[in-house]
């Protein structure tokens, strides 16, 4: 190996060394870029030809890599009311954002009815957001993969999941069953491989044994 290197001309050695340094510098640049611009904004704007400004700099829709920090977003188009949003991005955070402009002119009053592709883009965003939320819920609460559970025959009781109330983001299980079968529903949670005591459980006119009386 040493003998092979020793016979390489000095000029070739210099070129090889330069190439190696360039590769290292480029790799380091990518690492630094990823470390600084670790957050991302996934933006869907409708109409799709609206002008988009982020901290007063014009950007395109889709994915924009960003550093963590505060941002002000403006979306505007002739014939539509301008929308502004302010948000903060954490390091490594990805924000999925949909901005739909409202018509403020008779000329654009039926814009989305006349442009089904724009309407489909909005529907696609909602569908993708729903899929992402479902995936996050499954990862955080694996029991959701087995719900809803409906006791057969006759659907005598069922177990569902959701948030604990309209003003809450806490995860809850919901049991719908006649009074005499609600303990059976609790036993079913054990049979599914989960401990009911790990969850907030909501019943209708039923004492929850894991919360105590009252």
N, C-alpha and C. Protein backbone atom coordinates (compact mmCIF):
# COMPACT_ATOMS: atom_id res chain seq x y z
N UNK A 1 0.84 -1.20 0.00
CA UNK A 1 0.00 0.00 0.00
C UNK A 1 0.88 1.25 0.00
N UNK A 2 1.87 1.24 0.90
CA UNK A 2 2.77 2.39 1.00
C UNK A 2 3.52 2.59 -0.31
N UNK A 3 3.94 1.46 -0.92
CA UNK A 3 4.68 1.54 -2.18
C UNK A 3 3.80 2.13 -3.27
N UNK A 4 2.48 1.78 -3.26
CA UNK A 4 1.57 2.30 -4.27
C UNK A 4 1.42 3.80 -4.13
N UNK A 5 1.22 4.29 -2.89
CA UNK A 5 1.07 5.72 -2.67
C UNK A 5 2.33 6.47 -3.05
N UNK A 6 3.48 5.86 -2.78
CA UNK A 6 4.75 6.55 -3.02
C UNK A 6 4.99 6.80 -4.49
N UNK A 7 4.35 5.99 -5.37
CA UNK A 7 4.61 6.20 -6.79
C UNK A 7 3.58 7.13 -7.44
N UNK A 8 2.56 7.59 -6.65
CA UNK A 8 1.59 8.54 -7.19
C UNK A 8 2.27 9.89 -7.33
N UNK A 9 2.15 10.52 -8.48
CA UNK A 9 2.80 11.82 -8.69
C UNK A 9 2.33 12.84 -7.67
N UNK A 10 3.19 13.79 -7.35
CA UNK A 10 2.88 14.80 -6.33
C UNK A 10 1.63 15.59 -6.70
N UNK A 11 1.46 15.88 -8.01
CA UNK A 11 0.30 16.65 -8.45
C UNK A 11 -0.99 15.87 -8.19
N UNK A 12 -0.95 14.55 -8.47
CA UNK A 12 -2.12 13.71 -8.24
C UNK A 12 -2.44 13.63 -6.75
N UNK A 13 -1.38 13.56 -5.92
CA UNK A 13 -1.58 13.52 -4.47
C UNK A 13 -2.27 14.79 -4.00
N UNK A 14 -1.87 15.92 -4.55
CA UNK A 14 -2.46 17.20 -4.15
C UNK A 14 -3.94 17.26 -4.54
N UNK A 15 -4.24 16.75 -5.75
CA UNK A 15 -5.64 16.73 -6.20
C UNK A 15 -6.47 15.83 -5.31
N UNK A 16 -5.92 14.65 -4.97
CA UNK A 16 -6.64 13.71 -4.10
C UNK A 16 -6.90 14.31 -2.73
N UNK A 17 -5.89 14.95 -2.18
CA UNK A 17 -6.03 15.58 -0.88
C UNK A 17 -7.07 16.69 -0.92
N UNK A 18 -7.06 17.47 -1.98
CA UNK A 18 -8.05 18.55 -2.13
C UNK A 18 -9.46 17.99 -2.19
N UNK A 19 -9.62 16.87 -2.93
CA UNK A 19 -10.94 16.24 -3.05
C UNK A 19 -11.42 15.74 -1.70
N UNK A 20 -10.53 15.14 -0.93
CA UNK A 20 -10.89 14.62 0.39
C UNK A 20 -11.32 15.76 1.31
N UNK A 21 -10.58 16.87 1.27
CA UNK A 21 -10.92 18.03 2.11
C UNK A 21 -12.28 18.59 1.70
N UNK A 22 -12.52 18.62 0.38
CA UNK A 22 -13.80 19.14 -0.11
C UNK A 22 -14.96 18.28 0.36
N UNK A 23 -14.78 16.96 0.30
CA UNK A 23 -15.82 16.03 0.75
C UNK A 23 -16.11 16.22 2.23
N UNK A 24 -15.05 16.36 3.03
CA UNK A 24 -15.21 16.57 4.48
C UNK A 24 -15.93 17.88 4.75
N UNK A 25 -15.57 18.93 4.01
CA UNK A 25 -16.18 20.24 4.21
C UNK A 25 -17.66 20.21 3.85
N UNK A 26 -18.00 19.53 2.74
CA UNK A 26 -19.41 19.43 2.33
C UNK A 26 -20.22 18.65 3.35
N UNK A 27 -19.64 17.53 3.83
CA UNK A 27 -20.33 16.71 4.83
C UNK A 27 -20.56 17.51 6.11
N UNK A 28 -19.56 18.26 6.53
CA UNK A 28 -19.69 19.08 7.73
C UNK A 28 -20.76 20.15 7.53
N UNK A 29 -20.81 20.70 6.30
CA UNK A 29 -21.82 21.71 6.00
C UNK A 29 -23.22 21.17 6.13
N UNK A 30 -23.45 19.94 5.63
CA UNK A 30 -24.77 19.32 5.74
C UNK A 30 -25.12 19.07 7.20
N UNK A 31 -24.15 18.62 7.99
CA UNK A 31 -24.40 18.35 9.41
C UNK A 31 -24.78 19.63 10.14
N UNK A 32 -24.05 20.72 9.87
CA UNK A 32 -24.33 22.01 10.50
C UNK A 32 -25.70 22.52 10.06
N UNK A 33 -26.00 22.38 8.76
CA UNK A 33 -27.30 22.84 8.24
C UNK A 33 -28.44 22.10 8.92
N UNK A 34 -28.32 20.77 9.03
CA UNK A 34 -29.37 19.97 9.67
C UNK A 34 -29.52 20.34 11.14
N UNK A 35 -28.41 20.68 11.79
CA UNK A 35 -28.48 21.04 13.21
C UNK A 35 -29.17 22.39 13.41
N UNK A 36 -28.91 23.33 12.52
CA UNK A 36 -29.50 24.67 12.65
C UNK A 36 -30.95 24.68 12.17
N UNK A 37 -31.16 24.12 10.96
CA UNK A 37 -32.50 24.14 10.36
C UNK A 37 -33.18 22.79 10.60
N UNK A 38 -33.42 22.50 11.87
CA UNK A 38 -33.97 21.20 12.25
C UNK A 38 -35.49 21.19 12.28
N UNK A 39 -36.11 22.37 12.24
CA UNK A 39 -37.58 22.46 12.23
C UNK A 39 -38.07 22.56 10.80
N UNK A 40 -39.38 22.41 10.63
CA UNK A 40 -39.94 22.48 9.27
C UNK A 40 -41.38 22.98 9.32
N UNK A 41 -41.75 23.70 8.27
CA UNK A 41 -43.13 24.14 8.07
C UNK A 41 -43.66 23.47 6.81
N UNK A 42 -44.71 22.67 6.97
CA UNK A 42 -45.40 22.07 5.83
C UNK A 42 -46.67 22.89 5.59
N UNK A 43 -46.65 23.73 4.59
CA UNK A 43 -47.72 24.69 4.38
C UNK A 43 -48.54 24.36 3.13
N UNK A 44 -49.85 24.33 3.32
CA UNK A 44 -50.79 24.24 2.21
C UNK A 44 -51.60 25.52 2.20
N UNK A 45 -51.51 26.29 1.13
CA UNK A 45 -52.26 27.54 1.00
C UNK A 45 -53.28 27.40 -0.12
N UNK A 46 -54.45 27.93 0.12
CA UNK A 46 -55.50 27.91 -0.90
C UNK A 46 -56.12 29.30 -0.99
N UNK A 47 -56.17 29.87 -2.20
CA UNK A 47 -55.73 29.34 -3.49
C UNK A 47 -54.22 29.05 -3.54
N UNK A 48 -53.86 28.10 -4.37
CA UNK A 48 -52.47 27.66 -4.42
C UNK A 48 -51.53 28.70 -5.02
N UNK A 49 -52.09 29.68 -5.76
CA UNK A 49 -51.22 30.71 -6.34
C UNK A 49 -51.15 31.96 -5.46
N UNK A 50 -51.57 31.85 -4.22
CA UNK A 50 -51.47 32.98 -3.30
C UNK A 50 -50.00 33.29 -3.00
N UNK A 51 -49.71 34.53 -2.69
CA UNK A 51 -48.37 34.93 -2.28
C UNK A 51 -48.19 34.63 -0.80
N UNK A 52 -47.02 34.10 -0.47
CA UNK A 52 -46.74 33.68 0.91
C UNK A 52 -45.49 34.39 1.39
N UNK A 53 -45.59 35.01 2.55
CA UNK A 53 -44.43 35.68 3.15
C UNK A 53 -44.23 35.15 4.57
N UNK A 54 -42.99 34.77 4.85
CA UNK A 54 -42.63 34.29 6.18
C UNK A 54 -41.57 35.23 6.74
N UNK A 55 -41.92 35.93 7.82
CA UNK A 55 -41.05 36.97 8.36
C UNK A 55 -40.61 37.93 7.25
N UNK A 56 -41.61 38.33 6.44
CA UNK A 56 -41.44 39.30 5.35
C UNK A 56 -40.60 38.80 4.18
N UNK A 57 -40.26 37.51 4.16
CA UNK A 57 -39.53 36.94 3.03
C UNK A 57 -40.46 36.03 2.25
N UNK A 58 -40.48 36.19 0.94
CA UNK A 58 -41.39 35.40 0.11
C UNK A 58 -40.92 33.95 0.04
N UNK A 59 -41.86 33.03 0.26
CA UNK A 59 -41.55 31.61 0.17
C UNK A 59 -42.62 30.93 -0.68
N UNK A 60 -42.41 29.65 -0.95
CA UNK A 60 -43.38 28.85 -1.68
C UNK A 60 -44.12 27.94 -0.70
N UNK A 61 -45.26 27.43 -1.14
CA UNK A 61 -45.95 26.44 -0.34
C UNK A 61 -45.16 25.14 -0.30
N UNK A 62 -45.63 24.19 0.47
CA UNK A 62 -44.89 22.94 0.63
C UNK A 62 -44.03 22.97 1.88
N UNK A 63 -42.90 22.29 1.83
CA UNK A 63 -42.05 22.15 3.02
C UNK A 63 -40.91 23.16 2.98
N UNK A 64 -40.74 23.89 4.06
CA UNK A 64 -39.65 24.85 4.23
C UNK A 64 -38.89 24.50 5.49
N UNK A 65 -37.58 24.26 5.36
CA UNK A 65 -36.74 23.97 6.54
C UNK A 65 -36.45 25.29 7.25
N UNK A 66 -36.55 25.26 8.59
CA UNK A 66 -36.40 26.49 9.37
C UNK A 66 -35.62 26.21 10.64
N UNK A 67 -35.02 27.26 11.18
CA UNK A 67 -34.44 27.18 12.52
C UNK A 67 -35.56 27.39 13.54
N UNK A 68 -35.33 26.96 14.76
CA UNK A 68 -36.33 27.18 15.79
C UNK A 68 -36.45 28.69 16.06
N UNK A 69 -37.67 29.12 16.41
CA UNK A 69 -37.86 30.54 16.67
C UNK A 69 -39.28 30.98 16.38
N UNK A 70 -39.50 32.30 16.47
CA UNK A 70 -40.82 32.89 16.23
C UNK A 70 -40.96 33.26 14.75
N UNK A 71 -42.16 33.04 14.23
CA UNK A 71 -42.40 33.32 12.83
C UNK A 71 -43.75 34.01 12.64
N UNK A 72 -43.80 34.88 11.65
CA UNK A 72 -45.04 35.54 11.25
C UNK A 72 -45.30 35.19 9.79
N UNK A 73 -46.45 34.61 9.52
CA UNK A 73 -46.79 34.15 8.18
C UNK A 73 -47.91 35.02 7.61
N UNK A 74 -47.77 35.44 6.37
CA UNK A 74 -48.80 36.22 5.68
C UNK A 74 -49.12 35.54 4.36
N UNK A 75 -50.40 35.31 4.10
CA UNK A 75 -50.85 34.71 2.84
C UNK A 75 -51.84 35.68 2.21
N UNK A 76 -51.61 36.05 0.95
CA UNK A 76 -52.45 37.06 0.32
C UNK A 76 -52.66 36.76 -1.16
N UNK A 77 -53.80 37.23 -1.66
CA UNK A 77 -54.11 37.10 -3.09
C UNK A 77 -55.22 38.09 -3.41
N UNK A 78 -55.17 38.66 -4.59
CA UNK A 78 -56.21 39.60 -5.02
C UNK A 78 -57.57 38.91 -5.01
N UNK A 79 -58.57 39.60 -4.47
CA UNK A 79 -59.91 39.04 -4.40
C UNK A 79 -60.18 38.25 -3.14
N UNK A 80 -59.18 38.16 -2.25
CA UNK A 80 -59.33 37.41 -1.00
C UNK A 80 -58.80 38.22 0.17
N UNK A 81 -59.38 37.98 1.34
CA UNK A 81 -58.89 38.63 2.55
C UNK A 81 -57.54 38.03 2.94
N UNK A 82 -56.61 38.90 3.31
CA UNK A 82 -55.27 38.45 3.72
C UNK A 82 -55.34 37.74 5.07
N UNK A 83 -54.61 36.64 5.18
CA UNK A 83 -54.54 35.88 6.43
C UNK A 83 -53.15 36.00 7.02
N UNK A 84 -53.07 36.19 8.33
CA UNK A 84 -51.78 36.23 9.02
C UNK A 84 -51.80 35.22 10.17
N UNK A 85 -50.69 34.57 10.37
CA UNK A 85 -50.54 33.60 11.47
C UNK A 85 -49.19 33.83 12.13
N UNK A 86 -49.16 33.68 13.44
CA UNK A 86 -47.91 33.75 14.19
C UNK A 86 -47.73 32.43 14.94
N UNK A 87 -46.51 31.93 14.95
CA UNK A 87 -46.26 30.66 15.63
C UNK A 87 -44.80 30.56 16.03
N UNK A 88 -44.53 29.64 16.94
CA UNK A 88 -43.16 29.38 17.40
C UNK A 88 -42.83 27.93 17.07
N UNK A 89 -41.67 27.71 16.48
CA UNK A 89 -41.21 26.36 16.16
C UNK A 89 -40.12 25.93 17.12
N UNK A 90 -40.32 24.78 17.74
CA UNK A 90 -39.29 24.19 18.58
C UNK A 90 -38.25 23.49 17.70
N UNK A 91 -37.10 23.20 18.27
CA UNK A 91 -36.08 22.42 17.58
C UNK A 91 -36.65 21.05 17.22
N UNK A 92 -36.46 20.62 15.99
CA UNK A 92 -36.92 19.33 15.48
C UNK A 92 -38.44 19.25 15.31
N UNK A 93 -39.15 20.36 15.48
CA UNK A 93 -40.61 20.33 15.33
C UNK A 93 -41.00 20.50 13.87
N UNK A 94 -42.06 19.81 13.47
CA UNK A 94 -42.65 19.98 12.14
C UNK A 94 -44.08 20.46 12.31
N UNK A 95 -44.41 21.58 11.70
CA UNK A 95 -45.75 22.16 11.79
C UNK A 95 -46.46 21.99 10.46
N UNK A 96 -47.61 21.30 10.49
CA UNK A 96 -48.46 21.16 9.31
C UNK A 96 -49.54 22.23 9.39
N UNK A 97 -49.58 23.10 8.40
CA UNK A 97 -50.47 24.26 8.47
C UNK A 97 -51.25 24.42 7.17
N UNK A 98 -52.55 24.63 7.33
CA UNK A 98 -53.43 24.90 6.19
C UNK A 98 -53.98 26.31 6.34
N UNK A 99 -53.83 27.12 5.28
CA UNK A 99 -54.38 28.48 5.28
C UNK A 99 -55.30 28.60 4.06
N UNK A 100 -56.59 28.76 4.33
CA UNK A 100 -57.58 28.92 3.26
C UNK A 100 -58.09 30.35 3.29
N UNK A 101 -57.86 31.08 2.22
CA UNK A 101 -58.29 32.47 2.16
C UNK A 101 -59.79 32.57 1.90
N UNK A 102 -60.40 33.61 2.47
CA UNK A 102 -61.83 33.87 2.28
C UNK A 102 -62.03 34.95 1.22
N UNK A 103 -62.97 34.72 0.35
CA UNK A 103 -63.26 35.68 -0.71
C UNK A 103 -63.78 36.99 -0.12
N UNK A 104 -63.32 38.10 -0.68
CA UNK A 104 -63.87 39.40 -0.30
C UNK A 104 -64.28 40.19 -1.55
N UNK A 105 -64.57 39.44 -2.63
CA UNK A 105 -64.93 40.07 -3.90
C UNK A 105 -65.94 39.19 -4.63
N UNK A 106 -66.90 39.78 -5.31
CA UNK A 106 -67.85 38.99 -6.09
C UNK A 106 -67.17 38.11 -7.13
N UNK A 107 -66.03 38.56 -7.65
CA UNK A 107 -65.33 37.80 -8.68
C UNK A 107 -64.78 36.47 -8.16
N UNK A 108 -64.53 36.38 -6.87
CA UNK A 108 -63.93 35.16 -6.32
C UNK A 108 -64.90 34.43 -5.36
N UNK A 109 -66.16 34.86 -5.36
CA UNK A 109 -67.12 34.30 -4.40
C UNK A 109 -67.28 32.79 -4.57
N UNK A 110 -67.20 32.29 -5.80
CA UNK A 110 -67.39 30.86 -6.07
C UNK A 110 -66.09 30.19 -6.50
N UNK A 111 -64.98 30.75 -6.06
CA UNK A 111 -63.67 30.28 -6.54
C UNK A 111 -63.49 28.78 -6.31
N UNK A 112 -63.73 28.30 -5.11
CA UNK A 112 -63.44 26.90 -4.78
C UNK A 112 -64.44 25.95 -5.44
N UNK A 113 -65.66 26.41 -5.70
CA UNK A 113 -66.62 25.59 -6.43
C UNK A 113 -66.19 25.47 -7.90
N UNK A 114 -65.58 26.54 -8.43
CA UNK A 114 -65.17 26.54 -9.82
C UNK A 114 -63.80 25.92 -10.04
N UNK A 115 -63.07 25.65 -8.96
CA UNK A 115 -61.73 25.05 -9.07
C UNK A 115 -61.66 23.81 -8.17
N UNK A 116 -62.18 22.69 -8.66
CA UNK A 116 -62.21 21.46 -7.83
C UNK A 116 -60.84 20.98 -7.39
N UNK A 117 -59.79 21.29 -8.18
CA UNK A 117 -58.44 20.88 -7.78
C UNK A 117 -58.02 21.58 -6.49
N UNK A 118 -58.43 22.83 -6.33
CA UNK A 118 -58.13 23.55 -5.09
C UNK A 118 -58.87 22.92 -3.92
N UNK A 119 -60.12 22.53 -4.16
CA UNK A 119 -60.92 21.91 -3.12
C UNK A 119 -60.33 20.55 -2.71
N UNK A 120 -59.83 19.81 -3.70
CA UNK A 120 -59.22 18.51 -3.42
C UNK A 120 -57.95 18.66 -2.58
N UNK A 121 -57.19 19.72 -2.84
CA UNK A 121 -55.97 19.96 -2.05
C UNK A 121 -56.31 20.19 -0.59
N UNK A 122 -57.39 20.93 -0.33
CA UNK A 122 -57.83 21.18 1.04
C UNK A 122 -58.27 19.87 1.70
N UNK A 123 -59.06 19.08 0.96
CA UNK A 123 -59.53 17.81 1.49
C UNK A 123 -58.36 16.86 1.75
N UNK A 124 -57.36 16.90 0.87
CA UNK A 124 -56.18 16.06 1.05
C UNK A 124 -55.42 16.42 2.31
N UNK A 125 -55.33 17.71 2.60
CA UNK A 125 -54.65 18.14 3.82
C UNK A 125 -55.36 17.58 5.04
N UNK A 126 -56.69 17.71 5.07
CA UNK A 126 -57.46 17.22 6.22
C UNK A 126 -57.32 15.71 6.37
N UNK A 127 -57.32 15.01 5.24
CA UNK A 127 -57.18 13.55 5.29
C UNK A 127 -55.82 13.15 5.83
N UNK A 128 -54.77 13.84 5.37
CA UNK A 128 -53.42 13.55 5.83
C UNK A 128 -53.26 13.88 7.31
N UNK A 129 -53.86 15.01 7.74
CA UNK A 129 -53.78 15.40 9.15
C UNK A 129 -54.47 14.36 10.03
N UNK A 130 -55.62 13.86 9.55
CA UNK A 130 -56.34 12.84 10.31
C UNK A 130 -55.50 11.57 10.43
N UNK A 131 -54.83 11.18 9.34
CA UNK A 131 -54.00 9.98 9.36
C UNK A 131 -52.82 10.14 10.32
N UNK A 132 -52.22 11.33 10.35
CA UNK A 132 -51.10 11.59 11.24
C UNK A 132 -51.55 11.55 12.70
N UNK A 133 -52.72 12.14 12.99
CA UNK A 133 -53.22 12.12 14.36
C UNK A 133 -53.53 10.70 14.80
N UNK A 134 -54.09 9.90 13.89
CA UNK A 134 -54.39 8.51 14.21
C UNK A 134 -53.11 7.74 14.50
N UNK A 135 -52.06 8.00 13.72
CA UNK A 135 -50.78 7.32 13.94
C UNK A 135 -50.16 7.72 15.27
N UNK A 136 -50.24 9.01 15.60
CA UNK A 136 -49.71 9.48 16.89
C UNK A 136 -50.49 8.86 18.05
N UNK A 137 -51.81 8.80 17.90
CA UNK A 137 -52.65 8.23 18.96
C UNK A 137 -52.32 6.76 19.16
N UNK A 138 -52.12 6.03 18.04
CA UNK A 138 -51.79 4.62 18.14
C UNK A 138 -50.45 4.41 18.82
N UNK A 139 -49.48 5.26 18.52
CA UNK A 139 -48.16 5.14 19.14
C UNK A 139 -48.22 5.43 20.63
N UNK A 140 -48.99 6.44 21.01
CA UNK A 140 -49.07 6.83 22.42
C UNK A 140 -50.03 5.94 23.19
N UNK A 141 -51.10 5.48 22.53
CA UNK A 141 -52.12 4.67 23.20
C UNK A 141 -52.39 3.44 22.33
N UNK A 142 -51.57 2.40 22.46
CA UNK A 142 -51.71 1.23 21.59
C UNK A 142 -53.08 0.56 21.65
N UNK A 143 -53.82 0.78 22.75
CA UNK A 143 -55.14 0.16 22.87
C UNK A 143 -56.07 0.60 21.74
N UNK A 144 -55.80 1.76 21.15
CA UNK A 144 -56.69 2.26 20.09
C UNK A 144 -56.71 1.33 18.88
N UNK A 145 -55.68 0.50 18.72
CA UNK A 145 -55.65 -0.44 17.60
C UNK A 145 -56.75 -1.49 17.74
N UNK A 146 -57.26 -1.69 18.96
CA UNK A 146 -58.27 -2.71 19.21
C UNK A 146 -59.65 -2.11 19.47
N UNK A 147 -59.76 -0.81 19.25
CA UNK A 147 -61.03 -0.12 19.49
C UNK A 147 -61.56 0.49 18.19
N UNK A 148 -62.87 0.66 18.06
CA UNK A 148 -63.88 0.33 19.08
C UNK A 148 -64.07 -1.18 19.22
N UNK A 149 -64.38 -1.59 20.44
CA UNK A 149 -64.69 -2.99 20.71
C UNK A 149 -66.19 -3.09 20.97
N UNK A 150 -66.84 -3.98 20.24
CA UNK A 150 -68.28 -4.18 20.39
C UNK A 150 -68.53 -5.62 20.82
N UNK A 151 -69.16 -5.78 21.97
CA UNK A 151 -69.44 -7.11 22.49
C UNK A 151 -70.55 -7.75 21.66
N UNK A 152 -70.26 -8.92 21.14
CA UNK A 152 -71.23 -9.67 20.35
C UNK A 152 -71.67 -10.91 21.13
N UNK A 153 -72.87 -11.44 20.90
CA UNK A 153 -73.87 -10.95 19.93
C UNK A 153 -74.69 -9.81 20.51
N UNK A 154 -75.32 -9.10 19.63
CA UNK A 154 -76.27 -8.08 20.07
C UNK A 154 -75.67 -6.78 20.51
N UNK A 155 -74.37 -6.58 20.34
CA UNK A 155 -73.73 -5.32 20.74
C UNK A 155 -74.13 -4.94 22.15
N UNK A 156 -73.93 -5.85 23.11
CA UNK A 156 -74.41 -5.64 24.48
C UNK A 156 -73.62 -4.56 25.21
N UNK A 157 -72.36 -4.37 24.84
CA UNK A 157 -71.62 -3.21 25.32
C UNK A 157 -70.55 -2.88 24.31
N UNK A 158 -70.05 -1.65 24.38
CA UNK A 158 -68.98 -1.25 23.48
C UNK A 158 -68.01 -0.35 24.22
N UNK A 159 -66.75 -0.35 23.74
CA UNK A 159 -65.69 0.48 24.31
C UNK A 159 -65.12 1.34 23.18
N UNK A 160 -65.12 2.65 23.38
CA UNK A 160 -64.60 3.59 22.41
C UNK A 160 -63.52 4.44 23.07
N UNK A 161 -62.91 5.34 22.29
CA UNK A 161 -61.91 6.24 22.83
C UNK A 161 -62.07 7.62 22.22
N UNK A 162 -61.48 8.60 22.89
CA UNK A 162 -61.53 9.98 22.42
C UNK A 162 -60.96 10.90 23.48
N UNK A 163 -61.24 12.19 23.35
CA UNK A 163 -60.82 13.13 24.39
C UNK A 163 -61.89 13.22 25.47
N UNK A 164 -61.45 13.60 26.67
CA UNK A 164 -62.34 13.53 27.83
C UNK A 164 -63.45 14.58 27.81
N UNK A 165 -63.37 15.57 26.98
CA UNK A 165 -64.40 16.59 26.92
C UNK A 165 -64.07 17.61 25.86
N UNK A 166 -65.01 18.50 25.56
CA UNK A 166 -64.78 19.48 24.49
C UNK A 166 -63.64 20.45 24.77
N UNK A 167 -63.32 20.66 26.04
CA UNK A 167 -62.24 21.59 26.40
C UNK A 167 -61.00 20.86 26.91
N UNK A 168 -60.90 19.57 26.60
CA UNK A 168 -59.78 18.77 27.10
C UNK A 168 -59.11 18.03 25.96
N UNK A 169 -57.79 17.85 26.09
CA UNK A 169 -57.04 17.03 25.15
C UNK A 169 -56.63 15.70 25.77
N UNK A 170 -57.09 15.43 27.00
CA UNK A 170 -56.73 14.20 27.69
C UNK A 170 -57.42 13.00 27.04
N UNK A 171 -56.71 11.89 27.01
CA UNK A 171 -57.22 10.67 26.40
C UNK A 171 -58.17 9.94 27.35
N UNK A 172 -59.31 9.50 26.82
CA UNK A 172 -60.30 8.80 27.63
C UNK A 172 -60.81 7.57 26.90
N UNK A 173 -61.23 6.59 27.70
CA UNK A 173 -62.01 5.47 27.20
C UNK A 173 -63.47 5.72 27.54
N UNK A 174 -64.37 5.33 26.64
CA UNK A 174 -65.79 5.51 26.85
C UNK A 174 -66.47 4.14 26.80
N UNK A 175 -67.21 3.82 27.87
CA UNK A 175 -67.92 2.56 27.94
C UNK A 175 -69.42 2.83 27.84
N UNK A 176 -70.04 2.19 26.87
CA UNK A 176 -71.49 2.28 26.71
C UNK A 176 -72.05 0.89 26.98
N UNK A 177 -72.83 0.76 28.06
CA UNK A 177 -73.33 -0.56 28.45
C UNK A 177 -74.42 -0.41 29.49
N UNK A 178 -75.35 -1.38 29.55
CA UNK A 178 -76.30 -1.40 30.67
C UNK A 178 -75.53 -1.55 31.98
N UNK A 179 -76.11 -1.10 33.05
CA UNK A 179 -75.43 -1.11 34.34
C UNK A 179 -74.85 -2.47 34.68
N UNK A 180 -75.58 -3.53 34.40
CA UNK A 180 -75.13 -4.86 34.77
C UNK A 180 -73.98 -5.40 33.95
N UNK A 181 -73.65 -4.73 32.85
CA UNK A 181 -72.58 -5.22 31.98
C UNK A 181 -71.35 -4.31 31.97
N UNK A 182 -71.39 -3.25 32.72
CA UNK A 182 -70.25 -2.32 32.67
C UNK A 182 -69.00 -2.89 33.32
N UNK A 183 -69.17 -3.71 34.35
CA UNK A 183 -68.00 -4.39 34.92
C UNK A 183 -67.43 -5.40 33.92
N UNK A 184 -68.30 -5.99 33.11
CA UNK A 184 -67.83 -6.90 32.07
C UNK A 184 -66.98 -6.14 31.05
N UNK A 185 -67.37 -4.89 30.77
CA UNK A 185 -66.59 -4.07 29.84
C UNK A 185 -65.20 -3.79 30.42
N UNK A 186 -65.14 -3.55 31.73
CA UNK A 186 -63.84 -3.33 32.39
C UNK A 186 -62.98 -4.59 32.27
N UNK A 187 -63.61 -5.76 32.49
CA UNK A 187 -62.88 -7.02 32.36
C UNK A 187 -62.38 -7.21 30.94
N UNK A 188 -63.16 -6.72 29.98
CA UNK A 188 -62.76 -6.85 28.59
C UNK A 188 -61.49 -6.05 28.30
N UNK A 189 -61.33 -4.91 28.95
CA UNK A 189 -60.10 -4.12 28.78
C UNK A 189 -58.89 -4.93 29.24
N UNK A 190 -59.05 -5.64 30.38
CA UNK A 190 -57.98 -6.54 30.82
C UNK A 190 -57.72 -7.61 29.76
N UNK A 191 -58.80 -8.18 29.20
CA UNK A 191 -58.65 -9.24 28.20
C UNK A 191 -57.95 -8.75 26.94
N UNK A 192 -58.09 -7.46 26.66
CA UNK A 192 -57.40 -6.89 25.50
C UNK A 192 -55.91 -6.69 25.77
N UNK A 193 -55.52 -6.88 27.04
CA UNK A 193 -54.10 -6.77 27.40
C UNK A 193 -53.71 -5.46 28.04
N UNK A 194 -54.69 -4.70 28.55
CA UNK A 194 -54.41 -3.39 29.14
C UNK A 194 -55.07 -3.28 30.51
N UNK A 195 -54.49 -2.41 31.34
CA UNK A 195 -55.00 -2.20 32.69
C UNK A 195 -55.94 -1.00 32.70
N UNK A 196 -57.22 -1.19 33.05
CA UNK A 196 -58.16 -0.06 33.07
C UNK A 196 -57.71 1.07 33.98
N UNK A 197 -56.94 0.74 35.03
CA UNK A 197 -56.47 1.77 35.96
C UNK A 197 -55.52 2.76 35.31
N UNK A 198 -54.99 2.42 34.13
CA UNK A 198 -54.08 3.32 33.43
C UNK A 198 -54.82 4.39 32.63
N UNK A 199 -56.14 4.33 32.60
CA UNK A 199 -56.91 5.22 31.74
C UNK A 199 -57.98 5.97 32.52
N UNK A 200 -58.31 7.14 32.01
CA UNK A 200 -59.54 7.80 32.46
C UNK A 200 -60.68 7.15 31.70
N UNK A 201 -61.70 6.72 32.44
CA UNK A 201 -62.82 6.02 31.83
C UNK A 201 -64.09 6.78 32.15
N UNK A 202 -64.85 7.07 31.11
CA UNK A 202 -66.10 7.79 31.30
C UNK A 202 -67.28 6.86 31.09
N UNK A 203 -68.22 6.94 32.02
CA UNK A 203 -69.45 6.15 31.98
C UNK A 203 -70.64 7.10 32.03
N UNK A 204 -71.80 6.56 31.77
CA UNK A 204 -73.03 7.32 31.93
C UNK A 204 -73.77 6.80 33.16
N UNK A 205 -73.90 7.68 34.19
CA UNK A 205 -74.59 7.30 35.43
C UNK A 205 -74.02 6.02 36.02
N UNK A 206 -72.70 5.97 36.12
CA UNK A 206 -72.05 4.75 36.62
C UNK A 206 -70.85 5.13 37.48
N UNK A 207 -70.71 4.45 38.63
CA UNK A 207 -69.58 4.68 39.52
C UNK A 207 -68.33 4.03 38.95
N UNK A 208 -67.29 4.82 38.77
CA UNK A 208 -66.03 4.32 38.26
C UNK A 208 -65.21 3.80 39.43
N UNK A 209 -65.01 2.49 39.56
CA UNK A 209 -64.30 1.94 40.71
C UNK A 209 -62.86 2.39 40.83
N UNK A 210 -62.26 2.89 39.74
CA UNK A 210 -60.85 3.31 39.78
C UNK A 210 -60.70 4.75 40.24
N UNK A 211 -61.81 5.48 40.37
CA UNK A 211 -61.75 6.88 40.83
C UNK A 211 -62.30 7.02 42.24
N UNK A 212 -62.92 5.98 42.75
CA UNK A 212 -63.51 6.06 44.10
C UNK A 212 -64.92 6.62 44.05
N UNK A 213 -65.60 6.58 45.17
CA UNK A 213 -66.96 7.04 45.22
C UNK A 213 -67.02 8.57 45.15
N UNK A 214 -68.18 9.05 44.63
CA UNK A 214 -68.39 10.49 44.57
C UNK A 214 -67.84 11.07 43.32
